[in-house]
C-alpha atoms as a PDB file:
ATOM      1  CA  MET A   1     -53.818 -73.567 -44.607  1.00  0.00           C
ATOM      2  CA  ARG A   2     -53.767 -70.064 -42.881  1.00  0.00           C
ATOM      3  CA  ARG A   3     -55.102 -67.415 -45.140  1.00  0.00           C
ATOM      4  CA  LYS A   4     -52.989 -64.389 -45.999  1.00  0.00           C
ATOM      5  CA  ASN A   5     -53.006 -61.651 -43.432  1.00  0.00           C
ATOM      6  CA  TRP A   6     -53.493 -58.603 -45.626  1.00  0.00           C
ATOM      7  CA  TYR A   7     -53.322 -56.254 -42.693  1.00  0.00           C
ATOM      8  CA  LEU A   8     -49.833 -57.266 -41.787  1.00  0.00           C
ATOM      9  CA  THR A   9     -48.825 -57.428 -45.478  1.00  0.00           C
ATOM     10  CA  ILE A  10     -49.998 -53.827 -46.351  1.00  0.00           C
ATOM     11  CA  GLY A  11     -49.278 -52.352 -42.975  1.00  0.00           C
ATOM     12  CA  GLY A  12     -45.704 -53.794 -43.038  1.00  0.00           C
ATOM     13  CA  ALA A  13     -45.201 -52.423 -46.540  1.00  0.00           C
ATOM     14  CA  LEU A  14     -46.410 -48.942 -45.630  1.00  0.00           C
ATOM     15  CA  SER A  15     -44.460 -48.873 -42.405  1.00  0.00           C
ATOM     16  CA  ALA A  16     -41.293 -50.069 -44.238  1.00  0.00           C
ATOM     17  CA  CYS A  17     -41.646 -47.296 -46.747  1.00  0.00           C
ATOM     18  CA  MET A  18     -42.154 -44.599 -44.173  1.00  0.00           C
ATOM     19  CA  LEU A  19     -39.117 -45.877 -42.181  1.00  0.00           C
ATOM     20  CA  ALA A  20     -37.034 -45.802 -45.286  1.00  0.00           C
ATOM     21  CA  PHE A  21     -38.353 -42.236 -46.012  1.00  0.00           C
ATOM     22  CA  THR A  22     -37.359 -41.070 -42.504  1.00  0.00           C
ATOM     23  CA  ALA A  23     -33.997 -42.875 -42.700  1.00  0.00           C
ATOM     24  CA  VAL A  24     -33.118 -41.010 -45.855  1.00  0.00           C
ATOM     25  CA  GLY A  25     -33.890 -37.717 -44.113  1.00  0.00           C
ATOM     26  CA  LEU A  26     -31.442 -38.587 -41.234  1.00  0.00           C
ATOM     27  CA  VAL A  27     -28.515 -38.623 -43.704  1.00  0.00           C
ATOM     28  CA  TRP A  28     -29.566 -36.608 -46.758  1.00  0.00           C
ATOM     29  CA  THR A  29     -31.986 -33.916 -47.871  1.00  0.00           C
ATOM     30  CA  PRO A  30     -32.052 -32.261 -51.323  1.00  0.00           C
ATOM     31  CA  TYR A  31     -31.610 -28.845 -49.773  1.00  0.00           C
ATOM     32  CA  PRO A  32     -30.878 -27.491 -46.297  1.00  0.00           C
ATOM     33  CA  PRO A  33     -34.379 -27.618 -44.607  1.00  0.00           C
ATOM     34  CA  THR A  34     -34.071 -24.099 -43.345  1.00  0.00           C
ATOM     35  CA  ALA A  35     -32.510 -22.499 -46.425  1.00  0.00           C
ATOM     36  CA  MET A  36     -34.647 -19.784 -47.981  1.00  0.00           C
ATOM     37  CA  SER A  37     -34.582 -18.806 -51.582  1.00  0.00           C
ATOM     38  CA  ALA A  38     -36.369 -15.730 -52.909  1.00  0.00           C
ATOM     39  CA  ALA A  39     -36.297 -17.142 -56.436  1.00  0.00           C
ATOM     40  CA  ASP A  40     -38.257 -20.367 -55.319  1.00  0.00           C
ATOM     41  CA  ARG A  41     -40.903 -18.657 -53.258  1.00  0.00           C
ATOM     42  CA  ASN A  42     -44.386 -20.335 -53.724  1.00  0.00           C
ATOM     43  CA  ALA A  43     -42.788 -22.661 -56.341  1.00  0.00           C
ATOM     44  CA  PRO A  44     -45.249 -25.585 -57.223  1.00  0.00           C
ATOM     45  CA  PRO A  45     -43.958 -29.171 -57.379  1.00  0.00           C
ATOM     46  CA  CYS A  46     -41.383 -29.671 -60.192  1.00  0.00           C
ATOM     47  CA  ALA A  47     -38.266 -31.575 -61.122  1.00  0.00           C
ATOM     48  CA  ALA A  48     -36.056 -29.451 -58.886  1.00  0.00           C
ATOM     49  CA  HIS A  49     -38.484 -29.375 -55.954  1.00  0.00           C
ATOM     50  CA  PRO A  50     -40.768 -32.504 -56.082  1.00  0.00           C
ATOM     51  CA  PHE A  51     -42.820 -31.286 -53.195  1.00  0.00           C
ATOM     52  CA  GLY A  52     -42.719 -27.673 -54.112  1.00  0.00           C
ATOM     53  CA  CYS A  53     -41.614 -24.707 -51.889  1.00  0.00           C
ATOM     54  CA  ASP A  54     -43.259 -22.642 -49.220  1.00  0.00           C
ATOM     55  CA  SER A  55     -43.808 -18.974 -49.062  1.00  0.00           C
ATOM     56  CA  LEU A  56     -40.270 -18.389 -47.796  1.00  0.00           C
ATOM     57  CA  GLY A  57     -38.685 -20.446 -50.592  1.00  0.00           C
ATOM     58  CA  ARG A  58     -37.838 -23.458 -48.397  1.00  0.00           C
ATOM     59  CA  ASP A  59     -37.941 -26.927 -50.076  1.00  0.00           C
ATOM     60  CA  VAL A  60     -41.038 -28.807 -48.680  1.00  0.00           C
ATOM     61  CA  LEU A  61     -39.459 -32.216 -49.546  1.00  0.00           C
ATOM     62  CA  SER A  62     -36.437 -31.427 -47.252  1.00  0.00           C
ATOM     63  CA  ARG A  63     -38.597 -30.180 -44.536  1.00  0.00           C
ATOM     64  CA  THR A  64     -40.870 -33.133 -44.679  1.00  0.00           C
ATOM     65  CA  LEU A  65     -37.924 -35.538 -44.568  1.00  0.00           C
ATOM     66  CA  GLU A  66     -36.467 -33.806 -41.560  1.00  0.00           C
ATOM     67  CA  GLY A  67     -39.829 -33.341 -39.827  1.00  0.00           C
ATOM     68  CA  ALA A  68     -40.895 -36.957 -40.346  1.00  0.00           C
ATOM     69  CA  GLY A  69     -37.594 -38.137 -38.760  1.00  0.00           C
ATOM     70  CA  SER A  70     -38.110 -35.799 -35.788  1.00  0.00           C
ATOM     71  CA  THR A  71     -41.820 -36.855 -35.302  1.00  0.00           C
ATOM     72  CA  LEU A  72     -40.831 -40.542 -35.552  1.00  0.00           C
ATOM     73  CA  ALA A  73     -37.995 -40.143 -33.049  1.00  0.00           C
ATOM     74  CA  ILE A  74     -40.193 -38.264 -30.407  1.00  0.00           C
ATOM     75  CA  ALA A  75     -42.953 -40.887 -30.886  1.00  0.00           C
ATOM     76  CA  LEU A  76     -40.497 -43.774 -30.321  1.00  0.00           C
ATOM     77  CA  ALA A  77     -38.967 -42.027 -27.210  1.00  0.00           C
ATOM     78  CA  VAL A  78     -42.456 -41.358 -25.750  1.00  0.00           C
ATOM     79  CA  LEU A  79     -43.414 -44.997 -26.366  1.00  0.00           C
ATOM     80  CA  ALA A  80     -40.187 -46.246 -24.793  1.00  0.00           C
ATOM     81  CA  VAL A  81     -40.840 -44.248 -21.601  1.00  0.00           C
ATOM     82  CA  GLY A  82     -44.433 -45.181 -21.349  1.00  0.00           C
ATOM     83  CA  ALA A  83     -44.053 -48.845 -22.267  1.00  0.00           C
ATOM     84  CA  VAL A  84     -41.019 -49.703 -20.129  1.00  0.00           C
ATOM     85  CA  CYS A  85     -42.355 -47.962 -16.947  1.00  0.00           C
ATOM     86  CA  GLY A  86     -45.827 -49.137 -17.589  1.00  0.00           C
ATOM     87  CA  LEU A  87     -44.682 -52.686 -18.091  1.00  0.00           C
ATOM     88  CA  ALA A  88     -42.757 -52.619 -14.794  1.00  0.00           C
ATOM     89  CA  VAL A  89     -45.668 -51.065 -12.847  1.00  0.00           C
ATOM     90  CA  GLY A  90     -48.258 -53.365 -14.330  1.00  0.00           C
ATOM     91  CA  ALA A  91     -46.188 -56.499 -13.841  1.00  0.00           C
ATOM     92  CA  LEU A  92     -45.538 -55.734 -10.184  1.00  0.00           C
ATOM     93  CA  CYS A  93     -49.233 -54.880  -9.642  1.00  0.00           C
ATOM     94  CA  GLY A  94     -50.529 -57.809 -11.444  1.00  0.00           C
ATOM     95  CA  TRP A  95     -48.123 -60.296  -9.830  1.00  0.00           C
ATOM     96  CA  TYR A  96     -48.224 -59.096  -6.146  1.00  0.00           C
ATOM     97  CA  GLY A  97     -51.697 -57.491  -5.901  1.00  0.00           C
ATOM     98  CA  GLY A  98     -52.673 -56.251  -2.450  1.00  0.00           C
ATOM     99  CA  PRO A  99     -53.398 -52.646  -1.334  1.00  0.00           C
ATOM    100  CA  ALA A 100     -50.470 -51.149  -3.321  1.00  0.00           C
ATOM    101  CA  ASP A 101     -52.058 -52.596  -6.516  1.00  0.00           C
ATOM    102  CA  ALA A 102     -55.446 -51.033  -5.706  1.00  0.00           C
ATOM    103  CA  LEU A 103     -53.830 -47.672  -5.016  1.00  0.00           C
ATOM    104  CA  VAL A 104     -51.689 -47.632  -8.092  1.00  0.00           C
ATOM    105  CA  MET A 105     -54.666 -48.642 -10.307  1.00  0.00           C
ATOM    106  CA  ARG A 106     -56.822 -45.910  -8.900  1.00  0.00           C
ATOM    107  CA  LEU A 107     -54.075 -43.388  -9.712  1.00  0.00           C
ATOM    108  CA  CYS A 108     -53.902 -44.825 -13.193  1.00  0.00           C
ATOM    109  CA  ASP A 109     -57.701 -44.559 -13.624  1.00  0.00           C
ATOM    110  CA  ALA A 110     -57.582 -40.953 -12.396  1.00  0.00           C
ATOM    111  CA  VAL A 111     -54.934 -39.960 -15.010  1.00  0.00           C
ATOM    112  CA  ALA A 112     -56.615 -41.977 -17.699  1.00  0.00           C
ATOM    113  CA  ALA A 113     -59.878 -40.176 -17.085  1.00  0.00           C
ATOM    114  CA  PHE A 114     -58.368 -36.998 -18.658  1.00  0.00           C
ATOM    115  CA  PRO A 115     -57.172 -36.729 -22.283  1.00  0.00           C
ATOM    116  CA  SER A 116     -53.434 -37.233 -22.339  1.00  0.00           C
ATOM    117  CA  VAL A 117     -52.923 -34.346 -24.868  1.00  0.00           C
ATOM    118  CA  LEU A 118     -54.794 -31.901 -22.567  1.00  0.00           C
ATOM    119  CA  LEU A 119     -52.770 -32.945 -19.500  1.00  0.00           C
ATOM    120  CA  ALA A 120     -49.590 -32.596 -21.675  1.00  0.00           C
ATOM    121  CA  LEU A 121     -50.530 -29.171 -22.779  1.00  0.00           C
ATOM    122  CA  VAL A 122     -50.895 -28.129 -19.085  1.00  0.00           C
ATOM    123  CA  VAL A 123     -47.430 -29.635 -18.308  1.00  0.00           C
ATOM    124  CA  LEU A 124     -45.844 -27.925 -21.314  1.00  0.00           C
ATOM    125  CA  ALA A 125     -47.533 -24.651 -20.471  1.00  0.00           C
ATOM    126  CA  LEU A 126     -45.543 -24.755 -17.288  1.00  0.00           C
ATOM    127  CA  THR A 127     -42.290 -26.136 -18.490  1.00  0.00           C
ATOM    128  CA  GLY A 128     -42.201 -24.551 -21.949  1.00  0.00           C
ATOM    129  CA  PRO A 129     -41.978 -26.103 -25.503  1.00  0.00           C
ATOM    130  CA  GLY A 130     -39.112 -28.356 -26.430  1.00  0.00           C
ATOM    131  CA  LYS A 131     -38.400 -31.865 -27.733  1.00  0.00           C
ATOM    132  CA  TYR A 132     -37.405 -33.285 -24.397  1.00  0.00           C
ATOM    133  CA  ASN A 133     -40.245 -31.658 -22.432  1.00  0.00           C
ATOM    134  CA  VAL A 134     -42.748 -33.219 -25.006  1.00  0.00           C
ATOM    135  CA  ILE A 135     -41.088 -36.614 -24.435  1.00  0.00           C
ATOM    136  CA  GLY A 136     -41.173 -36.309 -20.770  1.00  0.00           C
ATOM    137  CA  ALA A 137     -44.794 -35.093 -20.570  1.00  0.00           C
ATOM    138  CA  LEU A 138     -46.272 -37.587 -22.908  1.00  0.00           C
ATOM    139  CA  GLY A 139     -44.050 -40.461 -21.771  1.00  0.00           C
ATOM    140  CA  VAL A 140     -45.346 -40.151 -18.124  1.00  0.00           C
ATOM    141  CA  LEU A 141     -48.922 -39.769 -19.260  1.00  0.00           C
ATOM    142  CA  PHE A 142     -48.641 -42.972 -21.443  1.00  0.00           C
ATOM    143  CA  ILE A 143     -47.561 -45.039 -18.373  1.00  0.00           C
ATOM    144  CA  PRO A 144     -51.085 -45.778 -16.971  1.00  0.00           C
ATOM    145  CA  SER A 145     -52.470 -47.364 -20.274  1.00  0.00           C
ATOM    146  CA  PHE A 146     -49.528 -49.667 -20.510  1.00  0.00           C
ATOM    147  CA  ALA A 147     -49.658 -50.471 -16.731  1.00  0.00           C
ATOM    148  CA  ARG A 148     -53.401 -51.375 -16.962  1.00  0.00           C
ATOM    149  CA  LEU A 149     -52.780 -53.521 -20.009  1.00  0.00           C
ATOM    150  CA  THR A 150     -49.886 -55.387 -18.563  1.00  0.00           C
ATOM    151  CA  ARG A 151     -51.641 -55.783 -15.070  1.00  0.00           C
ATOM    152  CA  GLY A 152     -54.665 -57.294 -16.861  1.00  0.00           C
ATOM    153  CA  GLU A 153     -52.545 -59.924 -18.683  1.00  0.00           C
ATOM    154  CA  PHE A 154     -50.620 -60.848 -15.545  1.00  0.00           C
ATOM    155  CA  LEU A 155     -53.850 -61.387 -13.656  1.00  0.00           C
ATOM    156  CA  LYS A 156     -54.892 -63.778 -16.430  1.00  0.00           C
ATOM    157  CA  TYR A 157     -51.712 -65.875 -16.329  1.00  0.00           C
ATOM    158  CA  ARG A 158     -50.581 -65.839 -12.744  1.00  0.00           C
ATOM    159  CA  ASP A 159     -52.772 -68.646 -11.658  1.00  0.00           C
ATOM    160  CA  ARG A 160     -52.137 -70.845 -14.722  1.00  0.00           C
ATOM    161  CA  ASP A 161     -50.898 -74.356 -14.100  1.00  0.00           C
ATOM    162  CA  PHE A 162     -47.383 -73.674 -15.585  1.00  0.00           C
ATOM    163  CA  VAL A 163     -46.961 -70.707 -13.139  1.00  0.00           C
ATOM    164  CA  LYS A 164     -48.115 -72.766 -10.224  1.00  0.00           C
ATOM    165  CA  SER A 165     -45.697 -75.469 -11.170  1.00  0.00           C
ATOM    166  CA  ALA A 166     -42.822 -72.961 -11.440  1.00  0.00           C
ATOM    167  CA  ARG A 167     -43.724 -71.830  -7.917  1.00  0.00           C
ATOM    168  CA  LEU A 168     -43.675 -75.362  -6.508  1.00  0.00           C
ATOM    169  CA  MET A 169     -40.278 -75.888  -8.078  1.00  0.00           C
ATOM    170  CA  GLY A 170     -38.946 -72.856  -6.130  1.00  0.00           C
ATOM    171  CA  VAL A 171     -38.548 -70.517  -9.139  1.00  0.00           C
ATOM    172  CA  GLY A 172     -38.037 -66.946  -8.152  1.00  0.00           C
ATOM    173  CA  ASP A 173     -40.629 -64.319  -8.798  1.00  0.00           C
ATOM    174  CA  LEU A 174     -38.395 -62.363 -11.184  1.00  0.00           C
ATOM    175  CA  ARG A 175     -37.778 -65.525 -13.329  1.00  0.00           C
ATOM    176  CA  ILE A 176     -41.427 -66.324 -13.406  1.00  0.00           C
ATOM    177  CA  VAL A 177     -42.440 -62.779 -14.387  1.00  0.00           C
ATOM    178  CA  PHE A 178     -39.775 -62.398 -17.191  1.00  0.00           C
ATOM    179  CA  VAL A 179     -39.313 -66.005 -18.358  1.00  0.00           C
ATOM    180  CA  HIS A 180     -42.679 -67.696 -17.824  1.00  0.00           C
ATOM    181  CA  ILE A 181     -45.341 -64.925 -18.099  1.00  0.00           C
ATOM    182  CA  LEU A 182     -43.851 -62.157 -20.170  1.00  0.00           C
ATOM    183  CA  PRO A 183     -43.352 -64.190 -23.341  1.00  0.00           C
ATOM    184  CA  ASN A 184     -46.979 -65.208 -23.272  1.00  0.00           C
ATOM    185  CA  ILE A 185     -48.336 -61.728 -23.074  1.00  0.00           C
ATOM    186  CA  TRP A 186     -45.966 -60.309 -25.679  1.00  0.00           C
ATOM    187  CA  PRO A 187     -48.425 -60.429 -28.669  1.00  0.00           C
ATOM    188  CA  THR A 188     -50.990 -58.405 -26.650  1.00  0.00           C
ATOM    189  CA  LEU A 189     -48.272 -55.953 -25.641  1.00  0.00           C
ATOM    190  CA  LEU A 190     -47.148 -55.614 -29.203  1.00  0.00           C
ATOM    191  CA  SER A 191     -50.607 -54.805 -30.326  1.00  0.00           C
ATOM    192  CA  GLY A 192     -50.895 -52.218 -27.554  1.00  0.00           C
ATOM    193  CA  LEU A 193     -47.517 -50.695 -28.650  1.00  0.00           C
ATOM    194  CA  THR A 194     -48.867 -50.098 -32.141  1.00  0.00           C
ATOM    195  CA  ILE A 195     -51.829 -48.175 -30.689  1.00  0.00           C
ATOM    196  CA  GLY A 196     -49.563 -46.311 -28.311  1.00  0.00           C
ATOM    197  CA  PHE A 197     -47.257 -45.343 -31.156  1.00  0.00           C
ATOM    198  CA  ASN A 198     -50.028 -43.819 -33.237  1.00  0.00           C
ATOM    199  CA  ASN A 199     -51.233 -41.986 -30.137  1.00  0.00           C
ATOM    200  CA  ALA A 200     -47.889 -40.566 -29.598  1.00  0.00           C
ATOM    201  CA  VAL A 201     -47.489 -39.431 -33.254  1.00  0.00           C
ATOM    202  CA  LEU A 202     -50.952 -37.721 -33.109  1.00  0.00           C
ATOM    203  CA  ALA A 203     -50.223 -36.152 -29.753  1.00  0.00           C
ATOM    204  CA  GLU A 204     -46.841 -34.809 -30.829  1.00  0.00           C
ATOM    205  CA  ALA A 205     -48.240 -33.415 -34.089  1.00  0.00           C
ATOM    206  CA  SER A 206     -51.224 -31.848 -32.325  1.00  0.00           C
ATOM    207  CA  MET A 207     -49.202 -30.104 -29.673  1.00  0.00           C
ATOM    208  CA  SER A 208     -46.658 -28.813 -32.236  1.00  0.00           C
ATOM    209  CA  TYR A 209     -49.570 -27.640 -34.464  1.00  0.00           C
ATOM    210  CA  LEU A 210     -51.031 -25.685 -31.431  1.00  0.00           C
ATOM    211  CA  GLY A 211     -47.520 -24.162 -30.985  1.00  0.00           C
ATOM    212  CA  ILE A 212     -46.858 -25.671 -27.641  1.00  0.00           C
ATOM    213  CA  GLY A 213     -44.935 -28.823 -28.693  1.00  0.00           C
ATOM    214  CA  VAL A 214     -41.453 -28.719 -29.984  1.00  0.00           C
ATOM    215  CA  SER A 215     -39.675 -25.500 -30.486  1.00  0.00           C
ATOM    216  CA  PRO A 216     -40.410 -23.657 -33.770  1.00  0.00           C
ATOM    217  CA  THR A 217     -36.682 -24.089 -34.607  1.00  0.00           C
ATOM    218  CA  GLU A 218     -36.947 -27.817 -34.366  1.00  0.00           C
ATOM    219  CA  PRO A 219     -38.326 -29.924 -37.279  1.00  0.00           C
ATOM    220  CA  SER A 220     -41.838 -31.332 -36.795  1.00  0.00           C
ATOM    221  CA  LEU A 221     -44.653 -32.314 -39.098  1.00  0.00           C
ATOM    222  CA  GLY A 222     -47.137 -30.758 -36.725  1.00  0.00           C
ATOM    223  CA  TYR A 223     -45.290 -27.391 -36.889  1.00  0.00           C
ATOM    224  CA  MET A 224     -45.193 -27.685 -40.671  1.00  0.00           C
ATOM    225  CA  LEU A 225     -48.980 -28.024 -40.784  1.00  0.00           C
ATOM    226  CA  LYS A 226     -49.297 -25.076 -38.437  1.00  0.00           C
ATOM    227  CA  ASP A 227     -46.978 -22.940 -40.532  1.00  0.00           C
ATOM    228  CA  ALA A 228     -48.839 -23.765 -43.760  1.00  0.00           C
ATOM    229  CA  GLN A 229     -52.420 -23.195 -42.540  1.00  0.00           C
ATOM    230  CA  GLY A 230     -52.483 -19.613 -43.832  1.00  0.00           C
ATOM    231  CA  VAL A 231     -51.785 -20.877 -47.376  1.00  0.00           C
ATOM    232  CA  LEU A 232     -53.934 -23.907 -47.399  1.00  0.00           C
ATOM    233  CA  PHE A 233     -55.699 -23.001 -50.674  1.00  0.00           C
ATOM    234  CA  THR A 234     -53.014 -20.925 -52.356  1.00  0.00           C
ATOM    235  CA  LEU A 235     -50.071 -23.387 -51.674  1.00  0.00           C
ATOM    236  CA  PRO A 236     -51.812 -26.737 -50.964  1.00  0.00           C
ATOM    237  CA  TRP A 237     -48.611 -28.710 -51.371  1.00  0.00           C
ATOM    238  CA  CYS A 238     -47.245 -27.204 -48.213  1.00  0.00           C
ATOM    239  CA  THR A 239     -50.045 -28.852 -46.232  1.00  0.00           C
ATOM    240  CA  ALA A 240     -50.689 -31.991 -48.329  1.00  0.00           C
ATOM    241  CA  PHE A 241     -47.260 -33.671 -48.106  1.00  0.00           C
ATOM    242  CA  PRO A 242     -46.633 -33.156 -44.319  1.00  0.00           C
ATOM    243  CA  ALA A 243     -50.199 -34.259 -43.702  1.00  0.00           C
ATOM    244  CA  LEU A 244     -49.778 -37.318 -46.084  1.00  0.00           C
ATOM    245  CA  ALA A 245     -46.603 -38.323 -44.124  1.00  0.00           C
ATOM    246  CA  VAL A 246     -48.628 -38.330 -40.855  1.00  0.00           C
ATOM    247  CA  ILE A 247     -51.414 -40.318 -42.300  1.00  0.00           C
ATOM    248  CA  LEU A 248     -49.177 -42.944 -43.916  1.00  0.00           C
ATOM    249  CA  LEU A 249     -47.133 -43.346 -40.765  1.00  0.00           C
ATOM    250  CA  ILE A 250     -50.211 -43.877 -38.633  1.00  0.00           C
ATOM    251  CA  LEU A 251     -52.053 -45.988 -41.217  1.00  0.00           C
ATOM    252  CA  GLY A 252     -49.181 -48.384 -41.743  1.00  0.00           C
ATOM    253  CA  VAL A 253     -48.568 -48.969 -38.027  1.00  0.00           C
ATOM    254  CA  GLY A 254     -52.299 -49.232 -37.407  1.00  0.00           C
ATOM    255  CA  LEU A 255     -52.730 -51.899 -40.034  1.00  0.00           C
ATOM    256  CA  VAL A 256     -49.791 -53.816 -38.469  1.00  0.00           C
ATOM    257  CA  GLY A 257     -51.523 -53.753 -35.098  1.00  0.00           C
ATOM    258  CA  GLU A 258     -54.761 -54.895 -36.682  1.00  0.00           C
ATOM    259  CA  GLY A 259     -52.908 -57.719 -38.246  1.00  0.00           C
ATOM    260  CA  ILE A 260     -51.460 -58.779 -34.995  1.00  0.00           C
ATOM    261  CA  ARG A 261     -54.815 -58.784 -33.417  1.00  0.00           C
ATOM    262  CA  GLU A 262     -56.197 -60.950 -36.381  1.00  0.00           C
ATOM    263  CA  ARG A 263     -53.303 -63.305 -35.991  1.00  0.00           C
ATOM    264  CA  MET A 264     -54.088 -63.666 -32.258  1.00  0.00           C
ATOM    265  CA  GLY A 265     -57.579 -64.588 -33.169  1.00  0.00           C
ATOM    266  CA  GLY A 266     -59.188 -61.184 -32.409  1.00  0.00           C
ATOM    267  CA  THR A 267     -60.986 -61.211 -35.762  1.00  0.00           C
ATOM    268  CA  SER A 268     -62.338 -63.828 -38.053  1.00  0.00           C
END
């Protein structure tokens, strides 16, 4: 009998709660996130404002709901760009090999040698802040990691007996890649996606905190943390709740990834 996978159980529960939290923010917030109220300035958590208010009288719960949704959407978009393009590049390189494979992998190694956030900061310094600029910069920089992961898995499977049999039967390359090999490497890719998602959340929050991510007029947990750094000790709730949202989002997805690796036999 297989023992219970607590990583998947706890991680799935945390991820589901955070998804529900962000989903609520997409359709409803207790107050307009940008609305300021002089009467509620610096208000601590209470029944009317469960997360308190900031120094401008803005409701922290409403801003956290909207910021979490924005951060989640950006992270998913970055992951989609990096994973889809990286999967295509890695599959082609791993399947066909040759000089093109060597050249592409050297380029991937060169990009991976530098921190992605640092390179993204350089790109955004040239293009300017903004949600779509963040998605484009981080998405392109995430391609090499997914390409290398996918290529490694294809190299492992392309000489297996079932692939050789498919070739002898005259099955086309695309069918072999997408029907015979891809389903076998999906668990490894899924584990890589959880790591990539967490990296995307941290990268977006870090850049927004530094003031070069999304525009200050756009919601973001990272920008909320930057905005609250001057009142860390006088209004701790302005920092605590956005930070907790980032931590729980990353922790939940990270535990799911660990559970996947355990299910695959990566841990005892």
